[in-house]
Amino acid sequence: MIITQAHGGGGRVTSGLVEDLFFRYFDNDILRKAGDSAVVDGAPKIAVTTDSFVVDPIEYDGGDIGRLSVCGTVNDLLAAGAQPRYLTCGFILQEGLEIKTLERIVSSMADTAKEAGVSIVAGDTKVTEGRGGLFINTSGVGYVPEGRDISAENIKEGDAVILSGCLGEHHAAILKSRMNIKNNIISDNAPLVSMVEALFENGIHVHAMRDVTRGGLATVLSEMAGTAKAGIVIYEDRLPENESVRGFCSLLGLETIYMGNEGKMIFFVSEDDTERALDLIRKDRYGKNAAVIGEVKQAEDRGSVHMRTLTGGTRRLEAMTGEGLPRIC
């Protein structure tokens, strides 16, 4: 059975798809009300984000567009210091999409939402002409606990820069699928809720953090340095890399510092908390390869990022120019 225009027509076929598929996997009391808006409990301070996912292929080694959409939205909320609570999702389905494929995506999305501790409380479905593709738009809401202030503007002299794991795994997984290359690289797409909350629960002074997605580590750090008016130094020999990804990149002339990830966070933490923070991150299932990769040094050019290279030189890192093909999310 495949998606047809009738599935987006708003009639019985649409209702059947919503009831038999989306409600079955995303089931909760708020969603079941099926109103034009979801009414949820609130908090004095909230974080709101939105994102769209157009990755091709929609299923790849280690994940799929459904898991990716939850991870990407949840991690954006976490990077603002919020505790993710609610998601909405809009599905744009193309005619010809196999409903069995859609069900796998929805099931994966539901499992990931459960892992992240969020509820999917509202959604929408549209059907367009096409070749059996699928796009997802999400919005996310999270609560910001009182007294928690996470921003690049809070980066301080001496802060340690901690990366939660190996670079480039998601980008390489998508690229190898597009190129029909067989290897053991799998995507890192993961919701990092338990990792981040462990830091706050243990009193770690986290000044800023960002999920390392499009544009890669170099781009994210460049943006943060510019906002903070800070000099950031990282060390090439400290960057955690998967051996398979490193070999794959060397064949294609790619650099992992410019490759996208979907399960990695960069943390700026107080110098005094560095070792405790690293230990907590490494105890998390998604942080086993975490490393302290650098620090904030105001003696460096403010608003810039420099990397001490393996050869002993210094290289200024700039934000990525152009498009880091293929589109990773």
C-alpha atoms as a PDB file:
ATOM      1  CA  MET A   1       0.000   0.000   0.000  1.00  0.00           C
ATOM      2  CA  ILE A   2       1.306   3.459  -0.913  1.00  0.00           C
ATOM      3  CA  ILE A   3       0.515   7.077  -0.104  1.00  0.00           C
ATOM      4  CA  THR A   4      -1.960   8.709  -2.486  1.00  0.00           C
ATOM      5  CA  GLN A   5      -3.426  12.204  -2.732  1.00  0.00           C
ATOM      6  CA  ALA A   6      -6.449  10.918  -0.797  1.00  0.00           C
ATOM      7  CA  HIS A   7      -4.265  10.561   2.286  1.00  0.00           C
ATOM      8  CA  GLY A   8      -3.888  14.341   2.300  1.00  0.00           C
ATOM      9  CA  GLY A   9      -7.443  15.223   1.388  1.00  0.00           C
ATOM     10  CA  GLY A  10      -8.800  15.624   4.898  1.00  0.00           C
ATOM     11  CA  GLY A  11     -11.472  12.921   4.572  1.00  0.00           C
ATOM     12  CA  ARG A  12     -11.840   9.355   5.781  1.00  0.00           C
ATOM     13  CA  VAL A  13      -8.573   8.178   4.252  1.00  0.00           C
ATOM     14  CA  THR A  14      -6.694  10.948   6.044  1.00  0.00           C
ATOM     15  CA  SER A  15      -8.462  10.161   9.316  1.00  0.00           C
ATOM     16  CA  GLY A  16      -7.604   6.510   8.900  1.00  0.00           C
ATOM     17  CA  LEU A  17      -3.921   7.276   8.409  1.00  0.00           C
ATOM     18  CA  VAL A  18      -3.854   9.542  11.463  1.00  0.00           C
ATOM     19  CA  GLU A  19      -5.783   7.121  13.662  1.00  0.00           C
ATOM     20  CA  ASP A  20      -4.191   3.872  12.529  1.00  0.00           C
ATOM     21  CA  LEU A  21      -0.599   5.064  12.253  1.00  0.00           C
ATOM     22  CA  PHE A  22       0.246   8.349  13.973  1.00  0.00           C
ATOM     23  CA  PHE A  23      -2.048   7.978  16.979  1.00  0.00           C
ATOM     24  CA  ARG A  24      -0.972   4.382  17.427  1.00  0.00           C
ATOM     25  CA  TYR A  25       2.708   5.278  17.745  1.00  0.00           C
ATOM     26  CA  PHE A  26       2.553   8.778  19.256  1.00  0.00           C
ATOM     27  CA  ASP A  27      -0.382   8.063  21.578  1.00  0.00           C
ATOM     28  CA  ASN A  28      -0.852  10.351  24.604  1.00  0.00           C
ATOM     29  CA  ASP A  29      -3.795  12.132  26.230  1.00  0.00           C
ATOM     30  CA  ILE A  30      -2.949  15.529  24.742  1.00  0.00           C
ATOM     31  CA  LEU A  31      -2.601  14.258  21.178  1.00  0.00           C
ATOM     32  CA  ARG A  32      -5.782  12.165  21.438  1.00  0.00           C
ATOM     33  CA  LYS A  33      -7.871  15.304  21.912  1.00  0.00           C
ATOM     34  CA  ALA A  34      -7.120  16.027  18.226  1.00  0.00           C
ATOM     35  CA  GLY A  35      -7.766  19.738  18.593  1.00  0.00           C
ATOM     36  CA  ASP A  36      -6.487  22.514  16.368  1.00  0.00           C
ATOM     37  CA  SER A  37      -3.925  23.299  19.078  1.00  0.00           C
ATOM     38  CA  ALA A  38      -2.403  21.311  21.922  1.00  0.00           C
ATOM     39  CA  VAL A  39      -2.844  22.864  25.365  1.00  0.00           C
ATOM     40  CA  VAL A  40      -0.005  21.860  27.695  1.00  0.00           C
ATOM     41  CA  ASP A  41       1.292  22.785  31.132  1.00  0.00           C
ATOM     42  CA  GLY A  42       3.848  25.579  31.065  1.00  0.00           C
ATOM     43  CA  ALA A  43       6.766  27.097  32.944  1.00  0.00           C
ATOM     44  CA  PRO A  44       7.948  30.636  33.769  1.00  0.00           C
ATOM     45  CA  LYS A  45      10.653  30.436  31.100  1.00  0.00           C
ATOM     46  CA  ILE A  46      10.538  28.266  27.989  1.00  0.00           C
ATOM     47  CA  ALA A  47      12.716  27.577  24.963  1.00  0.00           C
ATOM     48  CA  VAL A  48      11.102  27.133  21.546  1.00  0.00           C
ATOM     49  CA  THR A  49      12.745  25.819  18.390  1.00  0.00           C
ATOM     50  CA  THR A  50      11.712  24.634  14.951  1.00  0.00           C
ATOM     51  CA  ASP A  51      13.473  22.627  12.265  1.00  0.00           C
ATOM     52  CA  SER A  52      12.836  20.862   8.967  1.00  0.00           C
ATOM     53  CA  PHE A  53      14.379  17.604   7.781  1.00  0.00           C
ATOM     54  CA  VAL A  54      14.903  16.735   4.126  1.00  0.00           C
ATOM     55  CA  VAL A  55      17.692  14.153   4.367  1.00  0.00           C
ATOM     56  CA  ASP A  56      18.132  11.700   1.485  1.00  0.00           C
ATOM     57  CA  PRO A  57      18.105   8.738   1.899  1.00  0.00           C
ATOM     58  CA  ILE A  58      15.382   8.759   4.551  1.00  0.00           C
ATOM     59  CA  GLU A  59      16.763   5.513   6.022  1.00  0.00           C
ATOM     60  CA  TYR A  60      20.496   5.008   6.508  1.00  0.00           C
ATOM     61  CA  ASP A  61      22.926   2.998   8.617  1.00  0.00           C
ATOM     62  CA  GLY A  62      22.278   3.894  12.249  1.00  0.00           C
ATOM     63  CA  GLY A  63      19.084   5.861  11.816  1.00  0.00           C
ATOM     64  CA  ASP A  64      16.389   7.444   9.696  1.00  0.00           C
ATOM     65  CA  ILE A  65      14.632  10.766   9.156  1.00  0.00           C
ATOM     66  CA  GLY A  66      12.251  10.092  12.062  1.00  0.00           C
ATOM     67  CA  ARG A  67      14.965   9.525  14.654  1.00  0.00           C
ATOM     68  CA  LEU A  68      16.930  12.408  13.164  1.00  0.00           C
ATOM     69  CA  SER A  69      14.023  14.843  13.503  1.00  0.00           C
ATOM     70  CA  VAL A  70      13.579  14.100  17.206  1.00  0.00           C
ATOM     71  CA  CYS A  71      17.304  14.173  17.974  1.00  0.00           C
ATOM     72  CA  GLY A  72      17.884  17.409  16.102  1.00  0.00           C
ATOM     73  CA  THR A  73      15.019  19.219  17.811  1.00  0.00           C
ATOM     74  CA  VAL A  74      15.722  17.873  21.299  1.00  0.00           C
ATOM     75  CA  ASN A  75      19.430  18.701  21.078  1.00  0.00           C
ATOM     76  CA  ASP A  76      18.670  22.261  19.959  1.00  0.00           C
ATOM     77  CA  LEU A  77      16.567  22.731  23.102  1.00  0.00           C
ATOM     78  CA  LEU A  78      19.287  21.221  25.278  1.00  0.00           C
ATOM     79  CA  ALA A  79      21.851  23.637  23.827  1.00  0.00           C
ATOM     80  CA  ALA A  80      19.744  26.499  25.221  1.00  0.00           C
ATOM     81  CA  GLY A  81      19.804  24.939  28.685  1.00  0.00           C
ATOM     82  CA  ALA A  82      16.213  23.753  28.403  1.00  0.00           C
ATOM     83  CA  GLN A  83      14.672  20.480  29.499  1.00  0.00           C
ATOM     84  CA  PRO A  84      12.811  19.208  26.391  1.00  0.00           C
ATOM     85  CA  ARG A  85       9.114  18.457  26.963  1.00  0.00           C
ATOM     86  CA  TYR A  86       6.930  18.665  23.848  1.00  0.00           C
ATOM     87  CA  LEU A  87       7.296  18.250  20.089  1.00  0.00           C
ATOM     88  CA  THR A  88       5.021  18.860  17.156  1.00  0.00           C
ATOM     89  CA  CYS A  89       5.596  17.210  13.799  1.00  0.00           C
ATOM     90  CA  GLY A  90       4.425  17.990  10.292  1.00  0.00           C
ATOM     91  CA  PHE A  91       4.748  15.245   7.679  1.00  0.00           C
ATOM     92  CA  ILE A  92       4.982  16.146   3.985  1.00  0.00           C
ATOM     93  CA  LEU A  93       4.444  12.889   2.117  1.00  0.00           C
ATOM     94  CA  GLN A  94       4.939  12.381  -1.593  1.00  0.00           C
ATOM     95  CA  GLU A  95       2.658  10.177  -3.635  1.00  0.00           C
ATOM     96  CA  GLY A  96       4.068   6.689  -3.996  1.00  0.00           C
ATOM     97  CA  LEU A  97       5.651   6.494  -0.540  1.00  0.00           C
ATOM     98  CA  GLU A  98       5.192   2.986   0.831  1.00  0.00           C
ATOM     99  CA  ILE A  99       3.069   3.065   3.976  1.00  0.00           C
ATOM    100  CA  LYS A 100       5.280   0.321   5.449  1.00  0.00           C
ATOM    101  CA  THR A 101       8.239   2.683   5.045  1.00  0.00           C
ATOM    102  CA  LEU A 102       6.285   5.483   6.687  1.00  0.00           C
ATOM    103  CA  GLU A 103       5.386   3.173   9.561  1.00  0.00           C
ATOM    104  CA  ARG A 104       9.054   2.323  10.168  1.00  0.00           C
ATOM    105  CA  ILE A 105       9.869   6.032  10.282  1.00  0.00           C
ATOM    106  CA  VAL A 106       6.999   6.815  12.652  1.00  0.00           C
ATOM    107  CA  SER A 107       7.892   3.879  14.907  1.00  0.00           C
ATOM    108  CA  SER A 108      11.511   5.033  15.054  1.00  0.00           C
ATOM    109  CA  MET A 109      10.393   8.573  15.829  1.00  0.00           C
ATOM    110  CA  ALA A 110       8.174   7.328  18.668  1.00  0.00           C
ATOM    111  CA  ASP A 111      10.983   5.229  20.148  1.00  0.00           C
ATOM    112  CA  THR A 112      13.391   8.174  20.032  1.00  0.00           C
ATOM    113  CA  ALA A 113      10.854  10.521  21.628  1.00  0.00           C
ATOM    114  CA  LYS A 114      10.400   8.005  24.443  1.00  0.00           C
ATOM    115  CA  GLU A 115      14.172   7.781  24.912  1.00  0.00           C
ATOM    116  CA  ALA A 116      14.397  11.578  25.058  1.00  0.00           C
ATOM    117  CA  GLY A 117      11.485  11.890  27.472  1.00  0.00           C
ATOM    118  CA  VAL A 118       9.370  14.112  25.204  1.00  0.00           C
ATOM    119  CA  SER A 119       5.750  13.863  24.065  1.00  0.00           C
ATOM    120  CA  ILE A 120       4.607  14.486  20.492  1.00  0.00           C
ATOM    121  CA  VAL A 121       1.431  16.488  21.138  1.00  0.00           C
ATOM    122  CA  ALA A 122       0.384  17.904  17.756  1.00  0.00           C
ATOM    123  CA  GLY A 123       0.994  17.293  14.090  1.00  0.00           C
ATOM    124  CA  ASP A 124      -0.091  17.703  10.506  1.00  0.00           C
ATOM    125  CA  THR A 125       0.031  15.656   7.308  1.00  0.00           C
ATOM    126  CA  LYS A 126       0.142  16.903   3.733  1.00  0.00           C
ATOM    127  CA  VAL A 127       0.527  14.927   0.506  1.00  0.00           C
ATOM    128  CA  THR A 128       2.201  16.295  -2.618  1.00  0.00           C
ATOM    129  CA  GLU A 129       3.135  14.986  -6.026  1.00  0.00           C
ATOM    130  CA  GLY A 130       6.582  13.466  -6.170  1.00  0.00           C
ATOM    131  CA  ARG A 131       8.593  10.263  -6.174  1.00  0.00           C
ATOM    132  CA  GLY A 132       7.733   8.650  -2.876  1.00  0.00           C
ATOM    133  CA  GLY A 133       9.754  10.955  -0.647  1.00  0.00           C
ATOM    134  CA  LEU A 134       9.154  12.193   2.890  1.00  0.00           C
ATOM    135  CA  PHE A 135       9.969  15.440   4.714  1.00  0.00           C
ATOM    136  CA  ILE A 136       9.380  16.266   8.380  1.00  0.00           C
ATOM    137  CA  ASN A 137       9.022  19.614  10.112  1.00  0.00           C
ATOM    138  CA  THR A 138       9.232  19.730  13.900  1.00  0.00           C
ATOM    139  CA  SER A 139       8.824  22.296  16.624  1.00  0.00           C
ATOM    140  CA  GLY A 140      10.013  21.755  20.170  1.00  0.00           C
ATOM    141  CA  VAL A 141       9.269  23.286  23.556  1.00  0.00           C
ATOM    142  CA  GLY A 142      11.439  22.937  26.641  1.00  0.00           C
ATOM    143  CA  TYR A 143      11.441  24.365  30.152  1.00  0.00           C
ATOM    144  CA  VAL A 144      14.406  26.438  31.308  1.00  0.00           C
ATOM    145  CA  PRO A 145      14.971  25.870  35.048  1.00  0.00           C
ATOM    146  CA  GLU A 146      15.231  28.950  37.221  1.00  0.00           C
ATOM    147  CA  GLY A 147      18.757  30.301  37.398  1.00  0.00           C
ATOM    148  CA  ARG A 148      20.009  28.381  34.353  1.00  0.00           C
ATOM    149  CA  ASP A 149      21.624  30.719  31.830  1.00  0.00           C
ATOM    150  CA  ILE A 150      23.347  29.087  28.860  1.00  0.00           C
ATOM    151  CA  SER A 151      24.748  31.353  26.164  1.00  0.00           C
ATOM    152  CA  ALA A 152      27.904  31.898  24.153  1.00  0.00           C
ATOM    153  CA  GLU A 153      28.019  35.334  25.762  1.00  0.00           C
ATOM    154  CA  ASN A 154      28.841  33.584  29.063  1.00  0.00           C
ATOM    155  CA  ILE A 155      32.100  32.024  27.793  1.00  0.00           C
ATOM    156  CA  LYS A 156      34.971  33.005  30.086  1.00  0.00           C
ATOM    157  CA  GLU A 157      38.762  33.087  30.039  1.00  0.00           C
ATOM    158  CA  GLY A 158      40.117  29.663  31.009  1.00  0.00           C
ATOM    159  CA  ASP A 159      36.948  27.727  30.148  1.00  0.00           C
ATOM    160  CA  ALA A 160      37.619  24.195  28.963  1.00  0.00           C
ATOM    161  CA  VAL A 161      36.197  23.139  25.603  1.00  0.00           C
ATOM    162  CA  ILE A 162      34.831  19.586  25.777  1.00  0.00           C
ATOM    163  CA  LEU A 163      33.601  17.632  22.744  1.00  0.00           C
ATOM    164  CA  SER A 164      31.269  14.741  23.551  1.00  0.00           C
ATOM    165  CA  GLY A 165      32.544  12.280  20.930  1.00  0.00           C
ATOM    166  CA  CYS A 166      33.956  11.446  17.506  1.00  0.00           C
ATOM    167  CA  LEU A 167      33.459  13.823  14.604  1.00  0.00           C
ATOM    168  CA  GLY A 168      31.803  13.306  11.235  1.00  0.00           C
ATOM    169  CA  GLU A 169      29.953  10.017  11.750  1.00  0.00           C
ATOM    170  CA  HIS A 170      26.516  11.199  10.600  1.00  0.00           C
ATOM    171  CA  HIS A 171      27.862  13.093   7.606  1.00  0.00           C
ATOM    172  CA  ALA A 172      29.958  10.088   6.537  1.00  0.00           C
ATOM    173  CA  ALA A 173      27.016   7.690   6.980  1.00  0.00           C
ATOM    174  CA  ILE A 174      24.801   9.801   4.702  1.00  0.00           C
ATOM    175  CA  LEU A 175      27.559  10.316   2.157  1.00  0.00           C
ATOM    176  CA  LYS A 176      28.419   6.613   1.903  1.00  0.00           C
ATOM    177  CA  SER A 177      24.729   5.786   1.389  1.00  0.00           C
ATOM    178  CA  ARG A 178      24.484   8.342  -1.400  1.00  0.00           C
ATOM    179  CA  MET A 179      27.632   6.910  -3.001  1.00  0.00           C
ATOM    180  CA  ASN A 180      26.548   3.292  -2.444  1.00  0.00           C
ATOM    181  CA  ILE A 181      29.755   2.527  -0.535  1.00  0.00           C
ATOM    182  CA  LYS A 182      29.807  -0.359   1.933  1.00  0.00           C
ATOM    183  CA  ASN A 183      31.668   0.139   5.208  1.00  0.00           C
ATOM    184  CA  ASN A 184      31.003  -0.035   8.959  1.00  0.00           C
ATOM    185  CA  ILE A 185      30.298   3.678   9.517  1.00  0.00           C
ATOM    186  CA  ILE A 186      26.952   4.398  11.183  1.00  0.00           C
ATOM    187  CA  SER A 187      25.251   7.672  12.037  1.00  0.00           C
ATOM    188  CA  ASP A 188      25.659   9.144  15.506  1.00  0.00           C
ATOM    189  CA  ASN A 189      22.113  10.575  15.664  1.00  0.00           C
ATOM    190  CA  ALA A 190      21.216  10.548  19.361  1.00  0.00           C
ATOM    191  CA  PRO A 191      19.223  12.572  21.908  1.00  0.00           C
ATOM    192  CA  LEU A 192      21.667  13.879  24.511  1.00  0.00           C
ATOM    193  CA  VAL A 193      19.224  14.549  27.354  1.00  0.00           C
ATOM    194  CA  SER A 194      20.794  12.283  29.986  1.00  0.00           C
ATOM    195  CA  MET A 195      24.307  13.549  29.217  1.00  0.00           C
ATOM    196  CA  VAL A 196      23.392  17.208  29.573  1.00  0.00           C
ATOM    197  CA  GLU A 197      21.210  16.814  32.660  1.00  0.00           C
ATOM    198  CA  ALA A 198      23.925  14.820  34.424  1.00  0.00           C
ATOM    199  CA  LEU A 199      26.159  17.892  34.275  1.00  0.00           C
ATOM    200  CA  PHE A 200      23.571  20.191  35.815  1.00  0.00           C
ATOM    201  CA  GLU A 201      22.471  17.658  38.411  1.00  0.00           C
ATOM    202  CA  ASN A 202      26.074  17.416  39.602  1.00  0.00           C
ATOM    203  CA  GLY A 203      26.640  21.141  39.835  1.00  0.00           C
ATOM    204  CA  ILE A 204      28.929  21.542  36.822  1.00  0.00           C
ATOM    205  CA  HIS A 205      29.256  25.190  35.793  1.00  0.00           C
ATOM    206  CA  VAL A 206      28.304  24.981  32.114  1.00  0.00           C
ATOM    207  CA  HIS A 207      28.624  28.408  30.535  1.00  0.00           C
ATOM    208  CA  ALA A 208      27.699  27.539  26.956  1.00  0.00           C
ATOM    209  CA  MET A 209      27.042  24.568  24.692  1.00  0.00           C
ATOM    210  CA  ARG A 210      26.041  23.833  21.114  1.00  0.00           C
ATOM    211  CA  ASP A 211      25.157  20.722  19.181  1.00  0.00           C
ATOM    212  CA  VAL A 212      27.686  20.228  16.397  1.00  0.00           C
ATOM    213  CA  THR A 213      25.516  19.834  13.294  1.00  0.00           C
ATOM    214  CA  ARG A 214      25.714  21.474   9.861  1.00  0.00           C
ATOM    215  CA  GLY A 215      29.035  23.124   9.128  1.00  0.00           C
ATOM    216  CA  GLY A 216      30.814  20.967  11.665  1.00  0.00           C
ATOM    217  CA  LEU A 217      32.969  21.810  14.658  1.00  0.00           C
ATOM    218  CA  ALA A 218      34.940  24.594  12.979  1.00  0.00           C
ATOM    219  CA  THR A 219      31.793  26.484  11.975  1.00  0.00           C
ATOM    220  CA  VAL A 220      30.092  26.101  15.355  1.00  0.00           C
ATOM    221  CA  LEU A 221      33.167  27.257  17.273  1.00  0.00           C
ATOM    222  CA  SER A 222      33.656  30.193  14.901  1.00  0.00           C
ATOM    223  CA  GLU A 223      30.085  31.333  15.501  1.00  0.00           C
ATOM    224  CA  MET A 224      30.444  30.985  19.272  1.00  0.00           C
ATOM    225  CA  ALA A 225      33.780  32.817  19.329  1.00  0.00           C
ATOM    226  CA  GLY A 226      32.229  35.678  17.391  1.00  0.00           C
ATOM    227  CA  THR A 227      29.292  35.969  19.774  1.00  0.00           C
ATOM    228  CA  ALA A 228      31.498  35.725  22.865  1.00  0.00           C
ATOM    229  CA  LYS A 229      34.248  38.003  21.492  1.00  0.00           C
ATOM    230  CA  ALA A 230      36.579  35.295  22.804  1.00  0.00           C
ATOM    231  CA  GLY A 231      39.720  33.594  21.549  1.00  0.00           C
ATOM    232  CA  ILE A 232      39.313  29.824  21.372  1.00  0.00           C
ATOM    233  CA  VAL A 233      42.199  27.398  20.906  1.00  0.00           C
ATOM    234  CA  ILE A 234      41.777  23.713  20.062  1.00  0.00           C
ATOM    235  CA  TYR A 235      44.376  21.000  19.490  1.00  0.00           C
ATOM    236  CA  GLU A 236      44.294  18.733  16.477  1.00  0.00           C
ATOM    237  CA  ASP A 237      45.853  15.812  18.336  1.00  0.00           C
ATOM    238  CA  ARG A 238      43.030  15.853  20.902  1.00  0.00           C
ATOM    239  CA  LEU A 239      40.141  15.656  18.427  1.00  0.00           C
ATOM    240  CA  PRO A 240      38.307  12.320  18.812  1.00  0.00           C
ATOM    241  CA  GLU A 241      37.858  10.598  15.461  1.00  0.00           C
ATOM    242  CA  ASN A 242      36.544   7.217  14.409  1.00  0.00           C
ATOM    243  CA  GLU A 243      39.252   5.363  12.485  1.00  0.00           C
ATOM    244  CA  SER A 244      36.833   4.326   9.739  1.00  0.00           C
ATOM    245  CA  VAL A 245      35.572   7.886   9.330  1.00  0.00           C
ATOM    246  CA  ARG A 246      39.126   9.219   9.231  1.00  0.00           C
ATOM    247  CA  GLY A 247      40.056   6.753   6.480  1.00  0.00           C
ATOM    248  CA  PHE A 248      36.868   7.490   4.541  1.00  0.00           C
ATOM    249  CA  CYS A 249      37.549  11.219   4.716  1.00  0.00           C
ATOM    250  CA  SER A 250      41.170  10.856   3.623  1.00  0.00           C
ATOM    251  CA  LEU A 251      40.038   9.070   0.463  1.00  0.00           C
ATOM    252  CA  LEU A 252      37.573  11.856  -0.382  1.00  0.00           C
ATOM    253  CA  GLY A 253      39.678  14.830   0.708  1.00  0.00           C
ATOM    254  CA  LEU A 254      37.300  15.791   3.540  1.00  0.00           C
ATOM    255  CA  GLU A 255      38.044  17.190   6.996  1.00  0.00           C
ATOM    256  CA  THR A 256      36.061  15.944   9.998  1.00  0.00           C
ATOM    257  CA  ILE A 257      36.096  19.428  11.571  1.00  0.00           C
ATOM    258  CA  TYR A 258      33.768  20.583   8.756  1.00  0.00           C
ATOM    259  CA  MET A 259      31.529  17.507   8.722  1.00  0.00           C
ATOM    260  CA  GLY A 260      28.073  17.422  10.258  1.00  0.00           C
ATOM    261  CA  ASN A 261      27.039  15.435  13.304  1.00  0.00           C
ATOM    262  CA  GLU A 262      23.667  14.684  14.899  1.00  0.00           C
ATOM    263  CA  GLY A 263      24.671  13.382  18.318  1.00  0.00           C
ATOM    264  CA  LYS A 264      27.552  15.552  19.455  1.00  0.00           C
ATOM    265  CA  MET A 265      27.642  18.508  21.841  1.00  0.00           C
ATOM    266  CA  ILE A 266      30.393  21.022  22.529  1.00  0.00           C
ATOM    267  CA  PHE A 267      30.556  22.273  26.125  1.00  0.00           C
ATOM    268  CA  PHE A 268      32.293  25.296  27.637  1.00  0.00           C
ATOM    269  CA  VAL A 269      32.739  24.581  31.327  1.00  0.00           C
ATOM    270  CA  SER A 270      34.530  26.265  34.195  1.00  0.00           C
ATOM    271  CA  GLU A 271      38.208  25.330  34.382  1.00  0.00           C
ATOM    272  CA  ASP A 272      37.740  23.961  37.918  1.00  0.00           C
ATOM    273  CA  ASP A 273      34.999  21.584  36.733  1.00  0.00           C
ATOM    274  CA  THR A 274      36.832  20.176  33.725  1.00  0.00           C
ATOM    275  CA  GLU A 275      37.751  16.724  34.997  1.00  0.00           C
ATOM    276  CA  ARG A 276      34.406  16.104  36.709  1.00  0.00           C
ATOM    277  CA  ALA A 277      32.518  17.209  33.616  1.00  0.00           C
ATOM    278  CA  LEU A 278      34.583  14.972  31.344  1.00  0.00           C
ATOM    279  CA  ASP A 279      34.045  12.002  33.655  1.00  0.00           C
ATOM    280  CA  LEU A 280      30.269  12.535  33.711  1.00  0.00           C
ATOM    281  CA  ILE A 281      30.071  12.863  29.921  1.00  0.00           C
ATOM    282  CA  ARG A 282      32.134   9.708  29.402  1.00  0.00           C
ATOM    283  CA  LYS A 283      29.793   7.747  31.678  1.00  0.00           C
ATOM    284  CA  ASP A 284      26.909   8.471  29.321  1.00  0.00           C
ATOM    285  CA  ARG A 285      26.229   5.923  26.571  1.00  0.00           C
ATOM    286  CA  TYR A 286      26.751   8.630  23.922  1.00  0.00           C
ATOM    287  CA  GLY A 287      29.840  10.203  25.450  1.00  0.00           C
ATOM    288  CA  LYS A 288      32.384   7.395  25.720  1.00  0.00           C
ATOM    289  CA  ASN A 289      34.834   9.119  23.375  1.00  0.00           C
ATOM    290  CA  ALA A 290      34.530  12.602  24.879  1.00  0.00           C
ATOM    291  CA  ALA A 291      37.676  14.707  25.123  1.00  0.00           C
ATOM    292  CA  VAL A 292      38.903  18.088  26.293  1.00  0.00           C
ATOM    293  CA  ILE A 293      39.897  19.586  22.958  1.00  0.00           C
ATOM    294  CA  GLY A 294      40.854  23.138  23.906  1.00  0.00           C
ATOM    295  CA  GLU A 295      40.317  26.203  26.046  1.00  0.00           C
ATOM    296  CA  VAL A 296      39.405  29.865  25.943  1.00  0.00           C
ATOM    297  CA  LYS A 297      42.431  32.170  25.788  1.00  0.00           C
ATOM    298  CA  GLN A 298      41.830  35.883  25.651  1.00  0.00           C
ATOM    299  CA  ALA A 299      45.436  36.363  24.553  1.00  0.00           C
ATOM    300  CA  GLU A 300      44.373  34.959  21.179  1.00  0.00           C
ATOM    301  CA  ASP A 301      42.556  37.095  18.618  1.00  0.00           C
ATOM    302  CA  ARG A 302      39.150  37.810  20.125  1.00  0.00           C
ATOM    303  CA  GLY A 303      36.295  36.393  18.124  1.00  0.00           C
ATOM    304  CA  SER A 304      38.476  33.791  16.417  1.00  0.00           C
ATOM    305  CA  VAL A 305      39.328  30.093  16.621  1.00  0.00           C
ATOM    306  CA  HIS A 306      42.832  28.701  16.181  1.00  0.00           C
ATOM    307  CA  MET A 307      43.905  25.085  15.954  1.00  0.00           C
ATOM    308  CA  ARG A 308      47.343  23.898  16.989  1.00  0.00           C
ATOM    309  CA  THR A 309      48.142  21.391  14.251  1.00  0.00           C
ATOM    310  CA  LEU A 310      49.847  18.014  14.373  1.00  0.00           C
ATOM    311  CA  THR A 311      52.920  19.559  12.745  1.00  0.00           C
ATOM    312  CA  GLY A 312      53.256  22.197  15.458  1.00  0.00           C
ATOM    313  CA  GLY A 313      51.808  25.072  13.492  1.00  0.00           C
ATOM    314  CA  THR A 314      48.751  27.229  14.105  1.00  0.00           C
ATOM    315  CA  ARG A 315      45.795  27.330  11.755  1.00  0.00           C
ATOM    316  CA  ARG A 316      42.945  29.818  11.954  1.00  0.00           C
ATOM    317  CA  LEU A 317      39.587  28.087  11.550  1.00  0.00           C
ATOM    318  CA  GLU A 318      36.824  29.874   9.674  1.00  0.00           C
ATOM    319  CA  ALA A 319      33.164  29.045   9.237  1.00  0.00           C
ATOM    320  CA  MET A 320      32.477  26.711   6.328  1.00  0.00           C
ATOM    321  CA  THR A 321      32.038  28.388   2.959  1.00  0.00           C
ATOM    322  CA  GLY A 322      29.429  26.963   0.601  1.00  0.00           C
ATOM    323  CA  GLU A 323      27.399  23.810   1.096  1.00  0.00           C
ATOM    324  CA  GLY A 324      28.706  20.736   2.925  1.00  0.00           C
ATOM    325  CA  LEU A 325      27.208  18.200   0.548  1.00  0.00           C
ATOM    326  CA  PRO A 326      25.287  15.993   0.908  1.00  0.00           C
ATOM    327  CA  ARG A 327      22.526  17.602   2.956  1.00  0.00           C
ATOM    328  CA  ILE A 328      22.762  15.793   6.273  1.00  0.00           C
ATOM    329  CA  CYS A 329      19.419  16.689   7.855  1.00  0.00           C
END
